Amino acid sequence: MSDVTFKTAGSIAATPFDRATGKASSYPAAAFRLPRWAKLFLLGIVPPIALLALWSYAVHQEWLAEQILPDPRLVYETTLDLLVTGQLPAELLVSLGRVAAGLALGGGLGLLFGLGFGLFRTLDIYVAPTVRAICLVPSLGWLPFFMLVFGIGEGLKIVLIAKTCFLPLMVGAYEGIRNRPRKYDDVSRALEFSWFARVRLVVWPSILPSILTGVRQAMSRGWKVLILVEMISSAAGLGYLMMWGRKAFQLDVVFATMIVIGLVGWALDHALTRFQHRTTLWSFKAAV
């Protein structure tokens, strides 16, 4: 009696040639393949959805009083009301204006100091240690002194943000100059560039990635300090809105403001990250 081998439809379709070239297994995988952006989006929304589900479950189980942990639907409705009335956009614009002013002032000075310390050895030896020691005092540690000097108005907030943004830009510029490839200097000397041309054509492009990283850090730190200062002494801004909600015992306003602060901070950092990547794409290609 001869042996008879029965083949299924799948085994008949998957011929030795198909198995060797991988055609038989590629069709099912291609049917369920998602674009990269879709995978990143799905993975990115999992933590917020899980946190929202836990929040809703905690409210439903009454783990905390409703006055302390409001319902997510109430927070959503409050956010919509603040947007419709224009109060939330107005407070957001005030906070963004303060951050922009502080970043321009403190970041600009930090960039100048960092370039000076990196380009001139004498300044790095005799002046830089004192500046670094002053910068290592936390910004909130300067708050009592700044309140006596600048009062409790807009100047106080901008100066504190500027002080916070000063150090990241100074360190970014300094480290960028000190860690730049020395072969760039050799090329500039071989081409007999002037000092100004060397700084503009060689030094600045080589330290740009480090400076943009400092800008991101300065923006992040300045945003956090701004909210704290507005909570302590302010009559406008997101921090003021949060403190107003706490004093009125409207925790839905507090949670709505916290969500907006987090989303805006993330959006600013994401925008700066994309800008840094596009602006310094040549540096990534050169490193490959």
Protein backbone atom coordinates (compact mmCIF):
# COMPACT_ATOMS: atom_id res chain seq x y z
CA MET A 1 0.00 0.00 0.00
CA SER A 2 1.50 3.26 -1.10
CA ASP A 3 1.76 6.24 1.19
CA VAL A 4 -0.46 9.09 0.15
CA THR A 5 0.30 12.59 1.40
CA PHE A 6 -2.64 14.94 1.71
CA LYS A 7 -1.89 18.66 1.46
CA THR A 8 -4.06 21.39 2.75
CA ALA A 9 -4.93 24.46 0.69
CA GLY A 10 -2.39 26.50 2.65
CA SER A 11 0.40 24.05 2.05
CA ILE A 12 -0.44 23.80 -1.66
CA ALA A 13 -0.42 27.58 -2.02
CA ALA A 14 2.89 27.87 -0.19
CA THR A 15 5.14 26.26 -2.77
CA PRO A 16 8.87 25.81 -2.13
CA PHE A 17 9.53 28.84 -4.34
CA ASP A 18 7.09 30.97 -2.35
CA ARG A 19 8.56 29.82 0.94
CA ALA A 20 12.06 30.63 -0.28
CA THR A 21 11.10 34.13 -1.39
CA GLY A 22 8.83 34.79 1.57
CA LYS A 23 5.76 35.55 -0.57
CA ALA A 24 3.44 33.21 1.29
CA SER A 25 3.99 34.88 4.67
CA SER A 26 4.09 38.45 3.40
CA TYR A 27 0.43 38.76 2.38
CA PRO A 28 -1.15 38.22 5.84
CA ALA A 29 1.37 40.55 7.50
CA ALA A 30 0.79 43.26 4.90
CA ALA A 31 -2.96 43.13 5.50
CA PHE A 32 -2.53 44.15 9.17
CA ARG A 33 0.46 46.47 8.80
CA LEU A 34 -0.05 50.00 10.12
CA PRO A 35 1.88 53.12 9.13
CA ARG A 36 4.55 54.25 11.55
CA TRP A 37 2.65 57.43 12.48
CA ALA A 38 -0.44 55.37 13.29
CA LYS A 39 1.55 53.08 15.60
CA LEU A 40 3.11 56.05 17.38
CA PHE A 41 -0.29 57.69 17.74
CA LEU A 42 -1.88 54.57 19.19
CA LEU A 43 0.99 54.07 21.61
CA GLY A 44 0.90 57.72 22.60
CA ILE A 45 -2.79 57.83 23.49
CA VAL A 46 -2.67 54.71 25.67
CA PRO A 47 -1.27 56.43 28.83
CA PRO A 48 -3.76 59.37 28.74
CA ILE A 49 -6.70 57.04 28.19
CA ALA A 50 -5.54 54.77 31.01
CA LEU A 51 -5.12 57.75 33.34
CA LEU A 52 -8.56 59.06 32.41
CA ALA A 53 -10.10 55.65 33.05
CA LEU A 54 -8.41 55.44 36.45
CA TRP A 55 -9.58 58.98 37.26
CA SER A 56 -13.19 58.12 36.33
CA TYR A 57 -13.06 54.89 38.32
CA ALA A 58 -11.72 56.71 41.39
CA VAL A 59 -14.54 59.25 41.18
CA HIS A 60 -17.13 56.50 40.71
CA GLN A 61 -15.78 54.57 43.70
CA GLU A 62 -15.64 57.79 45.76
CA TRP A 63 -12.05 57.29 46.82
CA LEU A 64 -11.92 61.05 47.49
CA ALA A 65 -14.59 63.63 48.04
CA GLU A 66 -16.01 65.28 44.92
CA GLN A 67 -14.82 68.66 46.20
CA ILE A 68 -11.22 67.34 46.09
CA LEU A 69 -11.32 65.10 43.01
CA PRO A 70 -13.91 66.44 40.53
CA ASP A 71 -15.53 64.34 37.85
CA PRO A 72 -13.68 64.37 34.49
CA ARG A 73 -16.90 65.42 32.74
CA LEU A 74 -17.15 68.45 35.01
CA VAL A 75 -13.55 69.39 34.26
CA TYR A 76 -14.28 69.06 30.54
CA GLU A 77 -17.34 71.30 30.79
CA THR A 78 -15.40 73.85 32.85
CA THR A 79 -12.62 73.93 30.26
CA LEU A 80 -15.15 74.58 27.52
CA ASP A 81 -16.75 77.37 29.54
CA LEU A 82 -13.36 79.01 30.14
CA LEU A 83 -12.61 78.81 26.44
CA VAL A 84 -16.00 80.18 25.35
CA THR A 85 -15.88 83.09 27.76
CA GLY A 86 -12.33 83.91 26.62
CA GLN A 87 -10.86 83.84 30.09
CA LEU A 88 -8.54 80.90 29.47
CA PRO A 89 -7.09 82.25 26.17
CA ALA A 90 -6.55 85.66 27.79
CA GLU A 91 -4.66 84.19 30.76
CA LEU A 92 -2.66 81.95 28.42
CA LEU A 93 -1.55 84.89 26.30
CA VAL A 94 -0.39 86.75 29.42
CA SER A 95 1.72 83.76 30.52
CA LEU A 96 3.19 83.21 27.06
CA GLY A 97 4.13 86.89 26.81
CA ARG A 98 5.97 86.74 30.11
CA VAL A 99 7.86 83.61 29.10
CA ALA A 100 8.83 85.13 25.75
CA ALA A 101 10.11 88.32 27.41
CA GLY A 102 12.07 86.41 30.06
CA LEU A 103 13.55 84.01 27.50
CA ALA A 104 14.61 86.87 25.22
CA LEU A 105 16.25 88.79 28.07
CA GLY A 106 17.85 85.96 30.05
CA GLY A 107 18.58 83.75 27.06
CA GLY A 108 20.19 86.58 25.12
CA LEU A 109 22.46 87.50 28.03
CA GLY A 110 23.29 83.84 28.68
CA LEU A 111 24.22 83.38 25.03
CA LEU A 112 26.54 86.39 25.10
CA PHE A 113 28.21 85.28 28.34
CA GLY A 114 28.62 81.70 27.07
CA LEU A 115 30.19 82.88 23.83
CA GLY A 116 32.49 85.23 25.75
CA PHE A 117 33.63 82.53 28.16
CA GLY A 118 34.18 80.07 25.34
CA LEU A 119 36.07 82.39 23.01
CA PHE A 120 38.15 84.32 25.54
CA ARG A 121 40.27 82.30 27.96
CA THR A 122 40.79 85.23 30.34
CA LEU A 123 37.06 85.67 30.93
CA ASP A 124 36.67 81.94 31.43
CA ILE A 125 39.31 81.90 34.16
CA TYR A 126 38.52 85.05 36.12
CA VAL A 127 34.83 85.86 35.51
CA ALA A 128 33.08 82.57 34.76
CA PRO A 129 33.41 81.02 38.28
CA THR A 130 31.64 83.99 39.88
CA VAL A 131 28.85 83.94 37.31
CA ARG A 132 28.34 80.19 37.73
CA ALA A 133 28.20 80.52 41.52
CA ILE A 134 25.51 83.18 41.24
CA CYS A 135 23.52 81.08 38.77
CA LEU A 136 23.60 78.02 41.05
CA VAL A 137 21.38 79.81 43.57
CA PRO A 138 17.81 78.66 42.72
CA SER A 139 15.57 81.26 41.13
CA LEU A 140 13.07 81.10 43.98
CA GLY A 141 15.95 81.78 46.37
CA TRP A 142 16.28 85.20 44.73
CA LEU A 143 12.56 85.89 45.13
CA PRO A 144 12.75 87.90 48.41
CA PHE A 145 15.58 90.08 47.10
CA PHE A 146 13.92 90.61 43.73
CA MET A 147 10.64 91.52 45.43
CA LEU A 148 12.42 94.30 47.35
CA VAL A 149 14.16 95.58 44.22
CA PHE A 150 11.50 95.16 41.52
CA GLY A 151 8.32 95.02 43.58
CA ILE A 152 5.57 92.50 42.81
CA GLY A 153 4.67 93.72 39.32
CA GLU A 154 5.57 92.46 35.88
CA GLY A 155 9.26 93.22 36.39
CA LEU A 156 9.54 90.59 39.11
CA LYS A 157 8.15 87.82 36.93
CA ILE A 158 10.22 88.69 33.87
CA VAL A 159 13.44 89.00 35.88
CA LEU A 160 12.91 85.63 37.58
CA ILE A 161 12.20 83.94 34.26
CA ALA A 162 15.24 85.65 32.73
CA LYS A 163 17.44 84.45 35.59
CA THR A 164 16.14 80.92 35.06
CA CYS A 165 16.75 81.01 31.30
CA PHE A 166 20.24 82.51 31.64
CA LEU A 167 22.13 79.41 32.77
CA PRO A 168 20.97 76.87 30.12
CA LEU A 169 21.89 79.21 27.26
CA MET A 170 25.22 80.13 28.83
CA VAL A 171 26.16 76.49 29.37
CA GLY A 172 24.92 75.50 25.91
CA ALA A 173 27.01 78.14 24.15
CA TYR A 174 30.07 77.47 26.31
CA GLU A 175 29.96 73.69 25.92
CA GLY A 176 29.29 74.01 22.21
CA ILE A 177 32.43 76.08 21.71
CA ARG A 178 34.62 73.91 23.93
CA ASN A 179 33.45 70.61 22.41
CA ARG A 180 33.39 71.62 18.76
CA PRO A 181 35.67 69.64 16.41
CA ARG A 182 39.11 71.24 16.30
CA LYS A 183 39.51 70.34 12.64
CA TYR A 184 37.13 73.20 11.86
CA ASP A 185 39.64 75.64 13.33
CA ASP A 186 42.43 74.09 11.29
CA VAL A 187 40.40 74.58 8.11
CA SER A 188 39.60 78.20 8.99
CA ARG A 189 43.28 78.95 9.64
CA ALA A 190 44.28 77.26 6.40
CA LEU A 191 41.79 79.43 4.52
CA GLU A 192 43.06 82.49 6.42
CA PHE A 193 39.65 83.53 7.73
CA SER A 194 39.42 86.68 9.80
CA TRP A 195 38.26 86.40 13.43
CA PHE A 196 34.78 87.60 12.56
CA ALA A 197 34.52 85.27 9.56
CA ARG A 198 35.70 82.33 11.68
CA VAL A 199 33.02 83.01 14.29
CA ARG A 200 30.26 83.48 11.70
CA LEU A 201 31.15 80.65 9.30
CA VAL A 202 32.83 78.08 11.56
CA VAL A 203 32.07 78.58 15.24
CA TRP A 204 28.39 79.48 15.05
CA PRO A 205 27.23 76.58 12.83
CA SER A 206 29.20 74.08 14.94
CA ILE A 207 27.66 75.23 18.24
CA LEU A 208 24.09 75.71 16.94
CA PRO A 209 22.85 72.24 18.04
CA SER A 210 24.11 72.84 21.58
CA ILE A 211 22.52 76.30 21.69
CA LEU A 212 19.14 74.98 20.54
CA THR A 213 19.29 72.34 23.25
CA GLY A 214 19.89 75.14 25.73
CA VAL A 215 16.87 77.00 24.35
CA ARG A 216 14.69 73.94 24.97
CA GLN A 217 15.92 73.61 28.53
CA ALA A 218 15.50 77.32 29.16
CA MET A 219 11.94 77.28 27.84
CA SER A 220 11.03 74.29 30.01
CA ARG A 221 12.51 75.77 33.18
CA GLY A 222 11.13 79.22 32.48
CA TRP A 223 7.62 77.83 31.98
CA LYS A 224 7.74 76.05 35.35
CA VAL A 225 9.09 79.09 37.21
CA LEU A 226 6.46 81.31 35.58
CA ILE A 227 3.60 79.21 36.93
CA LEU A 228 5.10 79.26 40.43
CA VAL A 229 5.60 83.02 40.37
CA GLU A 230 2.08 83.61 39.09
CA MET A 231 0.73 81.46 41.90
CA ILE A 232 2.67 83.50 44.48
CA SER A 233 2.16 87.03 43.22
CA SER A 234 0.08 87.83 40.15
CA ALA A 235 -3.27 89.19 39.04
CA ALA A 236 -3.28 87.46 35.65
CA GLY A 237 -1.91 84.33 33.99
CA LEU A 238 -2.47 80.60 34.25
CA GLY A 239 -0.89 80.39 37.69
CA TYR A 240 -3.22 83.13 38.93
CA LEU A 241 -6.22 81.29 37.47
CA MET A 242 -5.17 78.12 39.26
CA MET A 243 -4.81 79.90 42.60
CA TRP A 244 -8.15 81.65 42.10
CA GLY A 245 -9.80 78.27 41.61
CA ARG A 246 -8.17 76.93 44.77
CA LYS A 247 -9.27 79.92 46.86
CA ALA A 248 -12.82 79.65 45.51
CA PHE A 249 -12.64 75.87 46.17
CA GLN A 250 -13.47 75.17 42.53
CA LEU A 251 -11.17 72.25 41.92
CA ASP A 252 -12.57 71.80 38.42
CA VAL A 253 -10.94 75.12 37.48
CA VAL A 254 -7.68 73.97 39.07
CA PHE A 255 -7.66 70.69 37.15
CA ALA A 256 -8.62 72.41 33.88
CA THR A 257 -5.74 74.86 34.30
CA MET A 258 -3.31 72.07 35.15
CA ILE A 259 -4.25 70.21 31.98
CA VAL A 260 -3.80 73.33 29.86
CA ILE A 261 -0.42 74.07 31.46
CA GLY A 262 0.79 70.54 30.71
CA LEU A 263 -0.48 70.56 27.12
CA VAL A 264 1.00 73.97 26.34
CA GLY A 265 4.35 73.02 27.88
CA TRP A 266 4.42 69.83 25.85
CA ALA A 267 3.48 71.69 22.66
CA LEU A 268 6.26 74.25 23.16
CA ASP A 269 8.88 71.56 23.79
CA HIS A 270 7.66 69.51 20.82
CA ALA A 271 7.78 72.53 18.50
CA LEU A 272 11.30 73.41 19.62
CA THR A 273 12.39 69.79 19.18
CA ARG A 274 11.08 69.68 15.61
CA PHE A 275 12.69 73.04 14.86
CA GLN A 276 16.01 71.85 16.27
CA HIS A 277 15.88 68.67 14.22
CA ARG A 278 15.08 70.48 10.97
CA THR A 279 17.58 73.28 11.56
CA THR A 280 20.49 71.00 12.49
CA LEU A 281 19.64 68.06 10.24
CA TRP A 282 23.04 68.46 8.61
CA SER A 283 24.71 67.62 11.93
CA PHE A 284 22.91 64.27 12.14
CA LYS A 285 23.85 63.44 8.54
CA ALA A 286 27.46 64.40 9.18
CA ALA A 287 27.61 62.12 12.18
CA VAL A 288 26.55 59.10 10.15
